[in-house]
N, C-alpha and C. Protein backbone atom coordinates (compact mmCIF):
# COMPACT_ATOMS: atom_id res chain seq x y z
N MET A 1 39.26 -26.15 1.84
CA MET A 1 38.59 -25.05 0.28
C MET A 1 39.05 -23.93 -0.22
N ASN A 2 38.75 -23.94 -1.39
CA ASN A 2 39.12 -22.81 -1.76
C ASN A 2 37.94 -21.48 -1.40
N CYS A 3 38.47 -20.04 -1.28
CA CYS A 3 37.87 -19.11 -0.62
C CYS A 3 36.89 -18.54 -1.56
N LYS A 4 37.18 -18.85 -3.35
CA LYS A 4 36.00 -18.77 -3.48
C LYS A 4 35.06 -19.38 -3.41
N ILE A 5 35.15 -20.77 -3.62
CA ILE A 5 34.05 -21.80 -3.34
C ILE A 5 33.39 -21.72 -2.29
N VAL A 6 33.90 -21.32 -0.99
CA VAL A 6 33.58 -21.25 0.28
C VAL A 6 32.39 -19.70 0.33
N ASN A 7 33.27 -18.47 -0.32
CA ASN A 7 32.20 -17.87 -0.34
C ASN A 7 30.80 -17.81 -1.23
N LYS A 8 31.14 -18.37 -2.47
CA LYS A 8 30.11 -18.68 -3.34
C LYS A 8 28.75 -19.50 -2.47
N ILE A 9 29.52 -20.82 -2.05
CA ILE A 9 28.17 -21.44 -1.07
C ILE A 9 27.57 -20.53 -0.06
N PHE A 10 28.38 -19.83 0.63
CA PHE A 10 28.08 -19.07 1.90
C PHE A 10 26.42 -18.11 1.00
N GLY A 11 27.17 -17.42 -0.09
CA GLY A 11 26.16 -16.83 -0.95
C GLY A 11 25.16 -16.88 -1.46
N SER A 12 24.90 -18.11 -1.72
CA SER A 12 23.98 -19.28 -1.92
C SER A 12 23.01 -19.60 -0.70
N VAL A 13 23.72 -19.48 0.02
CA VAL A 13 22.66 -20.08 1.40
C VAL A 13 21.95 -19.00 2.17
N ILE A 14 22.93 -18.05 1.67
CA ILE A 14 22.02 -16.56 2.40
C ILE A 14 20.92 -16.12 1.14
N ILE A 15 21.28 -16.44 0.19
CA ILE A 15 20.18 -15.96 -0.96
C ILE A 15 18.75 -16.55 -1.15
N VAL A 16 19.15 -18.09 -0.85
CA VAL A 16 18.11 -19.33 -0.95
C VAL A 16 17.23 -19.00 0.73
N SER A 17 17.71 -18.34 1.52
CA SER A 17 17.15 -18.65 3.06
C SER A 17 16.44 -17.48 3.23
N ASN A 18 16.58 -16.19 2.21
CA ASN A 18 15.95 -14.93 2.34
C ASN A 18 14.82 -14.92 1.91
N LEU A 19 15.04 -15.81 0.06
CA LEU A 19 14.21 -16.11 -0.72
C LEU A 19 12.86 -16.68 -0.18
N LEU A 20 13.59 -17.89 0.27
CA LEU A 20 12.28 -19.02 1.19
C LEU A 20 11.67 -19.23 2.22
N PHE A 21 12.60 -18.56 3.29
CA PHE A 21 12.34 -18.22 4.91
C PHE A 21 11.81 -16.61 5.23
N PHE A 22 12.83 -16.35 4.80
CA PHE A 22 12.97 -14.74 5.98
C PHE A 22 11.98 -13.68 5.16
N ILE A 23 12.15 -13.51 3.74
CA ILE A 23 11.61 -12.79 3.66
C ILE A 23 9.33 -13.01 3.73
N PRO A 24 9.12 -14.17 3.49
CA PRO A 24 8.11 -14.62 3.77
C PRO A 24 7.50 -14.33 5.03
N LEU A 25 8.62 -14.58 5.89
CA LEU A 25 8.36 -14.38 7.81
C LEU A 25 8.28 -13.00 7.83
N ASN A 26 9.00 -12.42 7.18
CA ASN A 26 8.84 -10.62 7.36
C ASN A 26 7.44 -10.11 6.93
N ILE A 27 7.38 -10.31 5.87
CA ILE A 27 5.89 -10.15 4.92
C ILE A 27 4.88 -10.77 6.02
N LYS A 28 4.85 -11.71 6.67
CA LYS A 28 3.54 -12.34 7.33
C LYS A 28 3.63 -11.38 8.71
N ASN A 29 4.48 -11.16 9.20
CA ASN A 29 4.85 -10.30 10.73
C ASN A 29 4.05 -8.65 9.96
N ILE A 30 4.34 -8.46 9.03
CA ILE A 30 4.05 -7.06 9.09
C ILE A 30 2.35 -6.86 8.90
N TYR A 31 1.98 -7.96 7.83
CA TYR A 31 0.84 -7.65 7.38
C TYR A 31 -0.61 -8.37 8.42
N SER A 32 0.20 -9.39 9.54
CA SER A 32 -0.65 -9.69 10.90
C SER A 32 -0.54 -8.76 11.89
N GLY A 33 0.79 -8.00 11.62
CA GLY A 33 0.63 -6.84 12.80
C GLY A 33 1.50 -7.21 14.07
N GLY A 34 1.81 -8.34 13.70
CA GLY A 34 2.72 -8.97 14.88
C GLY A 34 1.94 -9.82 15.79
N GLY A 35 0.71 -10.50 15.12
CA GLY A 35 -0.01 -11.21 16.27
C GLY A 35 -0.77 -10.27 17.15
N PRO A 36 -1.17 -11.35 17.98
CA PRO A 36 -2.45 -10.33 18.95
C PRO A 36 -1.85 -9.73 19.57
N MET A 37 -0.80 -9.33 20.21
CA MET A 37 -0.15 -8.49 20.93
C MET A 37 0.65 -7.67 20.57
N GLY A 38 1.23 -7.87 19.28
CA GLY A 38 2.19 -7.08 18.54
C GLY A 38 3.36 -7.52 18.64
N ILE A 39 3.62 -8.76 19.50
CA ILE A 39 4.87 -9.01 20.14
C ILE A 39 5.64 -9.91 18.82
N GLY A 40 5.32 -10.04 17.87
CA GLY A 40 6.08 -10.54 16.66
C GLY A 40 6.97 -9.70 15.75
N LEU A 41 6.32 -8.06 15.83
CA LEU A 41 7.03 -6.80 15.41
C LEU A 41 8.21 -6.93 15.93
N LEU A 42 8.63 -7.69 17.09
CA LEU A 42 10.11 -7.44 17.57
C LEU A 42 11.20 -8.27 17.21
N ALA A 43 10.76 -9.20 16.04
CA ALA A 43 11.37 -9.60 15.45
C ALA A 43 12.14 -9.49 14.25
N ILE A 44 11.21 -7.78 13.60
CA ILE A 44 11.16 -7.33 12.22
C ILE A 44 13.02 -6.68 12.43
N PRO A 45 13.42 -6.20 13.43
CA PRO A 45 14.57 -5.57 13.22
C PRO A 45 15.82 -7.01 13.42
N PHE A 46 15.57 -8.15 13.84
CA PHE A 46 16.73 -8.98 13.15
C PHE A 46 16.61 -9.30 11.96
N LEU A 47 15.29 -9.60 11.39
CA LEU A 47 14.93 -10.08 10.21
C LEU A 47 15.41 -9.04 9.07
N GLU A 48 15.46 -7.51 9.34
CA GLU A 48 15.85 -6.71 8.30
C GLU A 48 17.52 -6.60 8.58
N LEU A 49 18.29 -7.30 9.74
CA LEU A 49 19.82 -7.35 9.57
C LEU A 49 20.00 -8.27 8.98
N ILE A 50 19.00 -9.29 8.70
CA ILE A 50 19.41 -11.07 7.83
C ILE A 50 19.54 -10.22 6.60
N HIS A 51 18.32 -9.26 5.74
CA HIS A 51 18.22 -9.07 4.88
C HIS A 51 19.29 -8.24 4.27
N SER A 52 19.71 -7.30 5.22
CA SER A 52 20.85 -6.63 4.54
C SER A 52 22.12 -7.37 4.07
N PHE A 53 22.30 -8.40 4.53
CA PHE A 53 23.17 -9.63 4.04
C PHE A 53 23.18 -10.15 2.41
N LEU A 54 22.32 -9.68 2.12
CA LEU A 54 22.10 -10.16 0.59
C LEU A 54 23.00 -9.39 -0.35
N ILE A 55 23.36 -8.14 0.51
CA ILE A 55 24.32 -7.12 -0.52
C ILE A 55 25.80 -8.04 -0.71
N PRO A 56 26.36 -8.35 0.46
CA PRO A 56 27.62 -9.20 0.19
C PRO A 56 27.32 -10.58 -0.31
N ALA A 57 26.37 -11.02 -0.21
CA ALA A 57 25.99 -12.43 -0.89
C ALA A 57 25.98 -12.25 -2.02
N CYS A 58 25.54 -11.20 -2.74
CA CYS A 58 25.33 -11.29 -4.28
C CYS A 58 26.64 -10.69 -4.81
N LEU A 59 27.58 -10.08 -3.90
CA LEU A 59 28.97 -9.70 -4.35
C LEU A 59 29.97 -10.78 -4.41
N ALA A 60 29.30 -11.82 -3.75
CA ALA A 60 30.33 -12.99 -3.48
C ALA A 60 30.58 -13.98 -4.98
N PHE A 61 29.23 -13.44 -6.04
CA PHE A 61 29.71 -13.89 -7.12
C PHE A 61 30.12 -13.26 -8.23
N LYS A 62 30.47 -12.09 -7.84
CA LYS A 62 31.35 -11.40 -8.75
C LYS A 62 33.34 -11.59 -8.63
N SER A 63 33.58 -11.67 -9.73
CA SER A 63 35.26 -12.22 -9.23
C SER A 63 36.05 -11.26 -8.49
N LYS A 64 35.68 -9.51 -8.69
CA LYS A 64 36.17 -8.97 -8.60
C LYS A 64 35.85 -9.01 -6.80
N PHE A 65 35.26 -9.08 -6.19
CA PHE A 65 34.75 -9.05 -4.95
C PHE A 65 35.48 -10.46 -3.88
N ASN A 66 35.94 -11.65 -4.52
CA ASN A 66 35.89 -12.78 -3.74
C ASN A 66 37.33 -12.70 -2.92
N THR A 67 36.98 -11.67 -1.62
CA THR A 67 38.16 -11.78 -1.19
C THR A 67 38.14 -12.76 0.60
N THR A 68 39.04 -12.70 1.26
CA THR A 68 38.93 -13.43 2.56
C THR A 68 37.48 -12.59 3.67
N GLU A 69 38.06 -10.84 3.38
CA GLU A 69 37.13 -10.20 4.34
C GLU A 69 35.61 -10.72 3.75
N LEU A 70 35.35 -10.46 2.91
CA LEU A 70 33.77 -11.29 2.41
C LEU A 70 33.45 -12.12 2.76
N THR A 71 34.38 -13.20 3.05
CA THR A 71 34.11 -14.88 3.19
C THR A 71 33.37 -14.51 4.31
N ILE A 72 34.34 -13.52 5.43
CA ILE A 72 34.22 -13.93 6.98
C ILE A 72 32.69 -12.92 7.19
N ILE A 73 32.54 -12.08 6.24
CA ILE A 73 31.20 -11.54 6.69
C ILE A 73 30.02 -12.46 6.04
N ASN A 74 30.11 -13.14 5.01
CA ASN A 74 28.77 -13.94 4.75
C ASN A 74 29.30 -15.04 5.49
N GLY A 75 30.22 -15.59 6.14
CA GLY A 75 30.25 -16.46 7.32
C GLY A 75 29.54 -16.13 8.16
N ILE A 76 29.71 -15.03 8.84
CA ILE A 76 29.17 -14.24 10.24
C ILE A 76 27.45 -14.24 9.76
N CYS A 77 27.21 -14.22 8.79
CA CYS A 77 25.72 -13.94 8.48
C CYS A 77 25.04 -15.50 8.10
N VAL A 78 26.10 -16.56 8.02
CA VAL A 78 25.34 -18.08 7.73
C VAL A 78 25.16 -18.05 9.27
N ALA A 79 25.93 -18.02 9.84
CA ALA A 79 25.87 -18.37 11.49
C ALA A 79 24.78 -17.92 12.40
N MET A 80 24.79 -16.42 11.77
CA MET A 80 23.43 -15.85 12.40
C MET A 80 21.92 -16.52 11.57
N ILE A 81 22.19 -16.84 10.53
CA ILE A 81 20.66 -17.63 9.67
C ILE A 81 20.60 -18.82 10.57
N ALA A 82 21.45 -19.56 10.61
CA ALA A 82 21.09 -20.97 11.36
C ALA A 82 20.68 -20.51 12.83
N PHE A 83 21.52 -19.89 13.36
CA PHE A 83 20.97 -19.62 15.15
C PHE A 83 19.74 -19.17 14.99
N LEU A 84 19.32 -18.21 14.22
CA LEU A 84 17.42 -17.52 14.01
C LEU A 84 16.62 -18.90 13.80
N PHE A 85 17.25 -19.28 12.21
CA PHE A 85 16.16 -20.56 11.77
C PHE A 85 16.07 -21.72 12.54
N PHE A 86 16.86 -22.08 13.45
CA PHE A 86 16.69 -22.92 14.56
C PHE A 86 15.92 -22.80 15.82
N ASN A 87 16.39 -21.31 16.26
CA ASN A 87 15.45 -20.76 16.98
C ASN A 87 13.57 -20.39 16.69
N ILE A 88 13.71 -20.12 15.53
CA ILE A 88 12.76 -20.20 15.02
C ILE A 88 11.78 -21.25 14.94
N ILE A 89 12.19 -22.08 14.24
CA ILE A 89 11.63 -23.47 13.75
C ILE A 89 11.28 -24.30 15.17
N LEU A 90 12.23 -24.40 16.13
CA LEU A 90 12.49 -25.29 17.11
C LEU A 90 11.86 -24.67 18.39
């Protein structure tokens, strides 16, 4: 597949997963105080790391930034999202 297409797919996955899953999870953790003993607050640094990948995901839709390096960065983020998603859900 073309690098531009893969980059846009990765960018879409990052944006959609942040909007539908990780941002609401982060808000729920902050408002609940991390649960009864505050253990849920330990997840916030990992969620903020996922949120920081929104910038390269948005840059994937600009034609000037469609490079192999950006595709690798977005691919690493998609792998992290899959790992966190399946560990939190399952």
